Protein backbone atom coordinates (compact mmCIF):
# COMPACT_ATOMS: atom_id res chain seq x y z
CA MET A 1 126.60 -172.90 -218.18
CA SER A 2 128.50 -171.99 -215.36
CA ASP A 3 132.30 -171.45 -215.83
CA ILE A 4 133.01 -171.35 -212.01
CA LYS A 5 136.10 -174.42 -211.32
CA LEU A 6 136.38 -175.95 -208.65
CA PHE A 7 139.74 -178.01 -207.87
CA ARG A 8 141.39 -180.30 -205.26
CA ILE A 9 145.02 -179.70 -204.41
CA GLY A 10 146.44 -182.73 -203.11
CA THR A 11 150.41 -183.86 -202.62
CA GLY A 12 152.19 -182.46 -206.57
CA THR A 13 148.53 -183.38 -208.18
CA VAL A 14 144.95 -180.93 -208.92
CA ASN A 15 141.58 -182.62 -209.47
CA GLU A 16 138.85 -180.90 -210.87
CA LEU A 17 136.07 -181.62 -208.87
CA THR A 18 132.48 -181.61 -210.94
CA GLY A 19 129.66 -179.68 -210.33
CA THR A 20 125.85 -181.46 -210.38
CA THR A 21 122.57 -180.05 -209.40
CA ASP A 22 119.87 -182.03 -208.47
CA THR A 23 117.12 -182.65 -211.40
CA ILE A 24 114.08 -183.40 -208.84
CA GLU A 25 113.22 -179.74 -207.70
CA LYS A 26 112.05 -180.48 -204.02
CA SER A 27 115.55 -181.79 -202.86
CA VAL A 28 116.89 -178.74 -203.12
CA GLN A 29 114.41 -176.80 -202.09
CA THR A 30 114.54 -178.68 -198.76
CA LEU A 31 117.96 -177.86 -198.62
CA PHE A 32 117.84 -174.11 -198.83
CA GLU A 33 115.06 -173.94 -196.73
CA LYS A 34 116.43 -175.91 -193.76
CA ASN A 35 119.74 -174.05 -193.84
CA LEU A 36 118.18 -170.57 -195.13
CA GLU A 37 119.67 -168.34 -193.04
CA SER A 38 123.35 -169.75 -193.59
CA LEU A 39 122.94 -169.47 -197.02
CA LEU A 40 120.94 -166.29 -197.96
CA GLY A 41 120.88 -164.09 -194.78
CA VAL A 42 116.92 -165.39 -194.95
CA ARG A 43 114.54 -166.30 -191.43
CA PHE A 44 111.96 -169.12 -192.73
CA LEU A 45 108.89 -168.57 -192.47
CA ALA A 46 106.64 -171.28 -194.89
CA SER A 47 106.98 -173.69 -198.38
CA GLU A 48 104.41 -174.23 -200.89
CA PHE A 49 102.62 -171.55 -199.62
CA THR A 50 99.45 -171.08 -201.26
CA THR A 51 97.99 -167.92 -202.71
CA THR A 52 94.05 -166.48 -202.72
CA ASN A 53 94.44 -166.38 -206.39
CA GLY A 54 95.25 -170.05 -206.43
CA GLY A 55 99.11 -169.64 -206.73
CA ARG A 56 101.80 -171.45 -204.66
CA ILE A 57 104.65 -169.82 -203.70
CA ASP A 58 108.13 -172.04 -202.76
CA THR A 59 109.61 -170.06 -200.24
CA LEU A 60 108.73 -167.70 -198.12
CA GLY A 61 110.74 -165.87 -195.77
CA LEU A 62 111.87 -162.55 -193.69
CA ASP A 63 115.21 -160.80 -194.86
CA GLU A 64 117.94 -159.72 -192.09
CA ASN A 65 116.72 -156.08 -192.86
CA GLY A 66 113.00 -157.30 -192.08
CA CYS A 67 112.01 -157.09 -195.12
CA PRO A 68 110.01 -159.81 -197.52
CA VAL A 69 111.14 -162.55 -199.23
CA ILE A 70 110.15 -164.88 -201.61
CA LEU A 71 111.98 -167.49 -203.22
CA GLU A 72 111.50 -169.80 -206.19
CA TYR A 73 113.19 -172.51 -207.26
CA LYS A 74 113.52 -173.15 -211.11
CA ARG A 75 112.61 -176.56 -212.11
CA ALA A 76 113.46 -176.80 -216.05
CA SER A 77 115.81 -174.53 -218.45
CA ASN A 78 112.45 -173.22 -220.54
CA GLU A 79 110.41 -172.43 -216.76
CA ASN A 80 109.95 -168.53 -216.59
CA VAL A 81 110.41 -168.33 -212.90
CA ILE A 82 110.80 -164.75 -212.46
CA ASN A 83 107.51 -163.96 -214.08
CA GLN A 84 106.15 -166.06 -212.03
CA GLY A 85 107.97 -165.18 -208.98
CA LEU A 86 106.91 -161.48 -209.85
CA PHE A 87 103.73 -162.54 -210.32
CA TYR A 88 103.72 -163.76 -205.87
CA LEU A 89 105.59 -160.44 -205.40
CA ASP A 90 102.85 -158.47 -206.72
CA TRP A 91 100.19 -160.24 -204.44
CA LEU A 92 102.40 -160.46 -201.68
CA MET A 93 102.11 -156.65 -201.66
CA ASP A 94 98.56 -156.79 -201.47
CA HIS A 95 98.08 -159.09 -198.85
CA ARG A 96 100.55 -157.27 -196.30
CA LYS A 97 98.44 -157.75 -193.34
CA ASP A 98 98.44 -161.77 -194.08
CA PHE A 99 101.98 -161.82 -194.48
CA GLN A 100 102.84 -160.01 -190.84
CA TRP A 101 100.22 -162.22 -189.30
CA MET A 102 102.65 -165.10 -190.69
CA VAL A 103 105.40 -163.46 -189.30
CA MET A 104 103.77 -163.01 -185.75
CA GLU A 105 103.19 -166.83 -185.70
CA LYS A 106 106.32 -167.59 -186.58
CA LEU A 107 108.78 -165.07 -185.50
CA GLY A 108 106.93 -162.79 -182.91
CA LYS A 109 104.84 -159.51 -182.76
CA LYS A 110 108.32 -157.57 -182.69
CA ASP A 111 109.33 -158.92 -186.21
CA ALA A 112 105.98 -158.69 -187.25
CA GLU A 113 105.65 -154.82 -186.08
CA GLY A 114 108.90 -154.83 -187.77
CA VAL A 115 108.59 -155.62 -191.59
CA ASP A 116 110.24 -153.50 -194.14
CA TRP A 117 107.67 -153.02 -196.99
CA SER A 118 110.54 -150.57 -198.73
CA ALA A 119 112.58 -153.37 -200.04
CA PRO A 120 110.94 -156.65 -200.91
CA ARG A 121 113.23 -159.31 -202.71
CA LEU A 122 112.51 -161.74 -205.11
CA ILE A 123 115.12 -164.65 -205.06
CA CYS A 124 115.13 -166.94 -208.04
CA ILE A 125 117.97 -170.49 -207.36
CA ALA A 126 118.49 -173.04 -210.47
CA GLY A 127 121.36 -174.44 -211.18
CA ASP A 128 121.76 -172.30 -214.01
CA PHE A 129 119.99 -169.12 -216.35
CA ASN A 130 120.58 -168.77 -219.67
CA ARG A 131 121.41 -164.96 -221.14
CA TYR A 132 117.57 -164.07 -221.83
CA ASP A 133 116.87 -164.38 -218.12
CA ASP A 134 120.46 -162.29 -217.01
CA HIS A 135 118.40 -159.85 -219.59
CA ALA A 136 115.32 -160.48 -218.46
CA VAL A 137 116.23 -159.54 -214.79
CA LYS A 138 118.17 -155.61 -215.77
CA GLN A 139 114.94 -154.57 -217.54
CA ILE A 140 112.79 -154.97 -214.46
CA GLN A 141 113.00 -152.31 -211.52
CA ARG A 142 112.48 -154.78 -209.01
CA ASN A 143 114.55 -156.35 -206.15
CA ILE A 144 115.18 -159.49 -207.83
CA GLU A 145 118.78 -161.84 -207.05
CA LEU A 146 119.53 -165.33 -209.55
CA ILE A 147 121.48 -167.71 -207.91
CA ARG A 148 123.23 -170.53 -209.31
CA TYR A 149 124.15 -173.30 -207.09
CA ARG A 150 126.41 -176.46 -207.57
CA ARG A 151 127.03 -179.60 -205.23
CA PHE A 152 130.97 -180.61 -205.61
CA GLY A 153 130.38 -183.98 -203.85
CA PRO A 154 128.34 -184.86 -200.67
CA GLU A 155 130.08 -182.04 -198.97
CA LEU A 156 130.13 -179.20 -200.69
CA LEU A 157 127.70 -176.41 -202.13
CA MET A 158 128.41 -173.40 -204.52
CA LEU A 159 126.64 -170.38 -204.31
CA ASP A 160 126.78 -168.09 -207.28
CA LEU A 161 125.44 -164.61 -207.45
CA VAL A 162 124.56 -164.16 -211.52
CA ALA A 163 122.37 -161.09 -212.01
CA ALA A 164 120.87 -159.00 -209.28
CA THR A 165 118.73 -155.81 -209.82
CA SER A 166 117.53 -153.27 -207.06
CA ALA A 167 115.03 -150.94 -207.33
CA LYS A 168 115.39 -148.03 -205.15
CA GLY A 169 113.30 -148.32 -202.15
CA SER A 170 109.80 -146.49 -200.56
CA PRO A 171 110.81 -145.66 -196.84
CA SER A 172 107.59 -144.10 -196.47
CA ILE A 173 106.01 -147.57 -197.20
CA ALA A 174 106.44 -148.37 -193.54
CA GLY A 175 107.80 -149.24 -189.92
CA ALA A 176 110.97 -150.48 -188.61
CA THR A 177 112.08 -151.22 -185.88
CA PRO A 178 115.93 -151.19 -184.50
CA SER A 179 117.87 -154.39 -183.69
CA GLY A 180 119.45 -155.16 -180.36
CA ASP A 181 118.70 -153.47 -177.01
CA GLY A 182 116.14 -150.84 -178.93
CA ALA A 183 114.19 -152.81 -180.78
CA GLY A 184 110.33 -152.61 -180.22
CA ALA A 185 110.29 -148.59 -181.22
CA ALA A 186 107.26 -147.50 -182.25
CA PRO A 187 106.88 -147.17 -186.37
CA GLY A 188 107.01 -143.82 -187.72
CA LYS A 189 109.26 -142.39 -184.56
CA TYR A 190 112.76 -142.79 -186.26
CA LYS A 191 113.29 -140.04 -189.22
CA THR A 192 113.79 -141.77 -192.41
CA ILE A 193 116.69 -142.40 -194.17
CA SER A 194 115.55 -140.21 -197.33
CA THR A 195 114.35 -137.32 -195.11
CA VAL A 196 118.01 -137.68 -193.25
CA ILE A 197 119.78 -137.19 -196.68
CA GLU A 198 117.55 -134.17 -197.63
CA GLU A 199 119.17 -133.08 -194.15
CA LEU A 200 123.03 -133.61 -195.21
CA ASP A 201 124.84 -130.43 -196.17
CA ALA A 202 127.22 -130.66 -199.83
CA ALA A 203 130.36 -131.79 -197.84
CA MET A 204 128.36 -135.18 -196.72
CA ILE A 205 127.01 -135.73 -199.71
CA ASP A 206 130.43 -135.88 -201.16
CA ARG A 207 131.84 -138.10 -198.91
CA LEU A 208 128.47 -140.36 -199.25
CA GLU A 209 129.34 -140.48 -202.53
CA ALA A 210 132.80 -141.43 -202.21
CA LEU A 211 132.02 -144.30 -200.05
CA ARG A 212 129.22 -145.32 -202.26
CA ALA A 213 131.73 -145.52 -204.79
CA SER A 214 134.51 -147.21 -202.32
CA LEU A 215 131.79 -150.08 -201.81
CA LEU A 216 130.48 -150.65 -205.13
CA ALA A 217 134.27 -150.71 -206.75
CA PHE A 218 134.52 -154.14 -204.77
CA GLY A 219 132.66 -155.77 -207.53
CA ASP A 220 130.09 -156.53 -209.50
CA ASP A 221 128.39 -158.66 -206.99
CA VAL A 222 127.68 -155.43 -204.85
CA GLN A 223 123.98 -154.00 -204.71
CA GLU A 224 122.67 -151.11 -202.91
CA ALA A 225 118.92 -151.14 -201.30
CA THR A 226 117.65 -148.10 -199.82
CA LEU A 227 115.66 -149.14 -197.07
CA ARG A 228 113.51 -147.04 -194.30
CA LEU A 229 116.07 -146.39 -191.68
CA TYR A 230 119.60 -147.03 -193.39
CA ILE A 231 121.14 -147.81 -196.94
CA ALA A 232 122.10 -151.80 -197.00
CA PHE A 233 125.06 -152.63 -199.43
CA LYS A 234 125.22 -156.39 -200.72
CA ARG A 235 125.72 -159.63 -201.73
CA ILE A 236 124.14 -162.96 -201.08
CA LYS A 237 123.91 -161.13 -197.84
CA ASN A 238 125.11 -157.86 -195.82
CA PHE A 239 128.09 -156.37 -195.41
CA ALA A 240 127.33 -152.51 -194.61
CA CYS A 241 124.50 -150.68 -192.98
CA VAL A 242 124.76 -147.22 -193.11
CA GLU A 243 123.39 -144.09 -191.15
CA PHE A 244 123.82 -140.53 -191.05
CA ARG A 245 124.25 -137.93 -188.06
CA PRO A 246 123.96 -134.41 -189.98
CA THR A 247 124.28 -132.78 -186.96
CA THR A 248 127.77 -133.99 -185.76
CA ALA A 249 128.44 -134.17 -189.56
CA LYS A 250 129.04 -138.58 -189.06
CA ILE A 251 128.26 -141.42 -191.06
CA LEU A 252 127.92 -144.41 -189.36
CA MET A 253 128.74 -147.67 -190.85
CA PHE A 254 127.55 -151.08 -189.51
CA VAL A 255 129.81 -154.44 -190.53
CA LYS A 256 129.99 -158.30 -190.15
CA VAL A 257 133.64 -158.10 -188.49
CA ASP A 258 133.94 -159.69 -185.48
CA PRO A 259 134.92 -156.66 -182.75
CA THR A 260 136.85 -159.19 -180.24
CA SER A 261 138.89 -159.52 -183.59
CA VAL A 262 139.94 -155.46 -183.90
CA GLN A 263 141.54 -153.47 -181.71
CA LEU A 264 138.69 -150.75 -181.25
CA GLU A 265 139.57 -147.06 -181.33
CA ALA A 266 137.36 -144.21 -179.38
CA GLY A 267 135.49 -142.35 -181.66
CA PHE A 268 136.81 -144.63 -185.15
CA THR A 269 134.90 -148.41 -183.92
CA ARG A 270 133.48 -149.46 -181.58
CA ASP A 271 131.82 -153.25 -180.45
CA VAL A 272 127.83 -152.73 -180.42
CA SER A 273 126.63 -156.19 -180.40
CA ASN A 274 124.99 -155.55 -177.29
CA ILE A 275 123.74 -151.75 -178.03
CA GLY A 276 120.49 -151.42 -180.34
CA HIS A 277 121.11 -150.20 -184.04
CA PHE A 278 119.65 -150.32 -186.88
CA GLY A 279 120.57 -152.43 -190.08
CA THR A 280 123.05 -155.29 -189.58
CA GLY A 281 126.87 -156.25 -188.17
CA ASP A 282 128.38 -155.94 -184.73
CA LEU A 283 131.63 -153.59 -185.00
CA GLU A 284 130.22 -150.09 -185.53
CA ILE A 285 132.47 -147.60 -187.69
CA THR A 286 132.68 -143.73 -187.67
CA LEU A 287 133.64 -141.85 -190.29
CA SER A 288 133.77 -137.94 -189.24
CA LYS A 289 136.00 -137.08 -192.15
CA PRO A 290 137.27 -137.93 -195.47
CA GLU A 291 140.09 -139.75 -194.72
CA ASP A 292 138.54 -141.89 -192.19
CA LEU A 293 137.43 -144.20 -195.26
CA GLU A 294 140.29 -144.95 -196.24
CA ARG A 295 141.50 -145.96 -192.84
CA ALA A 296 137.95 -148.14 -192.22
CA MET A 297 139.04 -150.05 -196.46
CA PRO A 298 140.53 -153.16 -194.61
CA LEU A 299 137.44 -154.06 -192.04
CA ILE A 300 134.66 -153.12 -194.77
CA ARG A 301 136.59 -155.67 -197.02
CA ARG A 302 136.88 -157.86 -194.39
CA SER A 303 133.04 -158.36 -194.28
CA TYR A 304 132.71 -158.01 -197.65
CA GLU A 305 134.35 -160.75 -197.76
CA ALA A 306 132.70 -162.57 -195.26
CA SER A 307 129.31 -162.02 -197.30
């Protein structure tokens, strides 16, 4: 059961708000599908999608990294929604063209060509999960997230990332295109992140490890996903996307901080809201030397807390 409590603070009083979950799956599914991008950073594609093997995927979407997402809603405490979702995930990997055609129809050609198959995700939504669900997810080397929800009255919705696992991506699987003005480049034009990492010298590897350790130390809810062209750090949504420039010994990080709220410093921070780049986030941070990481941490934490 959830151990999260929410209180309303009044004048000299504190009252606990009682959290509830819907027993009817469809109402939860409808709520999420109508607000999928705001809640999870996922663009909606289809509801109750029928597969060629007779299955039915509750919700299909495309996340902010261009990766396919399957959402399954747990209706009963004894329902094995994880195995069911994995079954659909395997089906999806065998029917990539069908998925990309759907993206083409719903979102357009650019998004269809930019689908990144290196890190497809399964998100399971439920009023609660048990310890067996938590344990099962930790044993499976796939991108799986268990998200618990609670309603507090008619206006408040809480999401709690109960458990998550990240499988190491397979950057060579498919192409991708950058966001913003740089979008539309042909797949294969850019080096994969795995290739770029192989070009890093020992000093840059040390700086990468220091950055990784700092971001993962924010909390147990931080996930690292190696995509085709960058590394994403996220909670429910991305909060930092990382690229490398080996020839100049620079690490580029994109965070979700409003550039207009920051005093931009030449060579350190830059507004890229109208500049094409891979990953998500409108503020670019350039880490040129080890001490830059400490300077960047307040901005990274702001992005983390907003994710």
